[in-house]
Amino acid sequence: MDEELDRLPARLEDRPELIGRPVKQDRTVRRVYLKRIRYYFYFRIMDSEERVEILALWHGSRHDEPEL
C-alpha cells in the first residue's frame, strides 16, 4: 500500500508503547495516523508488551471511529 505502512511492523516490534496515542474511549487502545495514505491504525499492546493486537485500519475521511 505504502512504505509508511510497510515500516509499521518494525516500529511496533521495537517500541510499541512509544507509537501513536491512546484512544479516549479505551486507554489500552493506541492509534497511529499514517499521513501519506490518510489511514488510522488501531492496536493494543498485550502480554506485558510482548504481543500487539491489530484492531483496525480506518480511513481518515470517515467521521466516526471503528467499533473496537
Protein backbone atom coordinates (compact mmCIF):
# COMPACT_ATOMS: atom_id res chain seq x y z
CA MET A 1 0.00 0.00 0.00
CA ASP A 2 2.68 2.46 1.05
CA GLU A 3 6.17 2.47 2.53
CA GLU A 4 4.82 4.18 5.67
CA LEU A 5 2.56 1.19 6.28
CA ASP A 6 5.36 -1.24 5.36
CA ARG A 7 7.60 0.25 8.09
CA LEU A 8 4.95 -0.03 10.78
CA PRO A 9 5.61 -3.68 11.82
CA ALA A 10 9.27 -2.95 12.57
CA ARG A 11 8.29 0.11 14.61
CA LEU A 12 5.72 -1.95 16.54
CA GLU A 13 8.24 -4.69 17.20
CA ASP A 14 10.81 -2.26 18.56
CA ARG A 15 8.84 0.02 20.95
CA PRO A 16 5.02 -0.17 20.54
CA GLU A 17 4.39 1.90 23.68
CA LEU A 18 6.02 4.91 22.01
CA ILE A 19 3.93 4.77 18.84
CA GLY A 20 0.67 6.67 18.46
CA ARG A 21 -1.61 8.00 21.16
CA PRO A 22 -4.14 6.33 23.45
CA VAL A 23 -7.77 6.46 22.29
CA LYS A 24 -10.09 8.37 24.64
CA GLN A 25 -12.77 5.64 24.82
CA ASP A 26 -10.29 2.92 25.79
CA ARG A 27 -6.84 3.93 27.02
CA THR A 28 -5.48 0.44 26.28
CA VAL A 29 -6.01 1.07 22.56
CA ARG A 30 -3.48 3.20 20.67
CA ARG A 31 -3.97 4.98 17.35
CA VAL A 32 -1.36 5.96 14.75
CA TYR A 33 -2.14 8.32 11.88
CA LEU A 34 -0.43 7.34 8.62
CA LYS A 35 -0.33 10.75 6.97
CA ARG A 36 0.65 9.77 3.42
CA ILE A 37 -2.21 7.31 2.99
CA ARG A 38 -4.61 9.07 5.40
CA TYR A 39 -5.40 5.99 7.48
CA TYR A 40 -5.56 5.45 11.22
CA PHE A 41 -4.04 2.23 12.54
CA TYR A 42 -5.52 0.98 15.83
CA PHE A 43 -3.75 -1.53 18.04
CA ARG A 44 -3.46 -2.78 21.61
CA ILE A 45 -0.32 -3.90 23.44
CA MET A 46 -0.86 -7.33 25.01
CA ASP A 47 1.07 -9.61 27.40
CA SER A 48 3.42 -7.12 29.01
CA GLU A 49 4.45 -5.56 25.68
CA GLU A 50 5.40 -8.89 24.09
CA ARG A 51 2.47 -9.01 21.68
CA VAL A 52 0.49 -6.44 19.68
CA GLU A 53 -3.15 -6.97 18.71
CA ILE A 54 -4.13 -5.17 15.49
CA LEU A 55 -7.67 -3.86 15.78
CA ALA A 56 -8.41 -1.73 12.71
CA LEU A 57 -7.12 0.19 9.73
CA TRP A 58 -9.55 3.09 9.30
CA HIS A 59 -9.59 5.77 6.60
CA GLY A 60 -9.24 9.32 7.91
CA SER A 61 -12.13 10.62 5.79
CA ARG A 62 -14.61 8.62 7.86
CA HIS A 63 -16.08 10.85 10.55
CA ASP A 64 -16.69 8.09 13.05
CA GLU A 65 -14.29 5.65 14.68
CA PRO A 66 -14.35 1.86 14.33
CA GLU A 67 -16.07 -0.31 16.93
CA LEU A 68 -13.20 -1.77 18.86
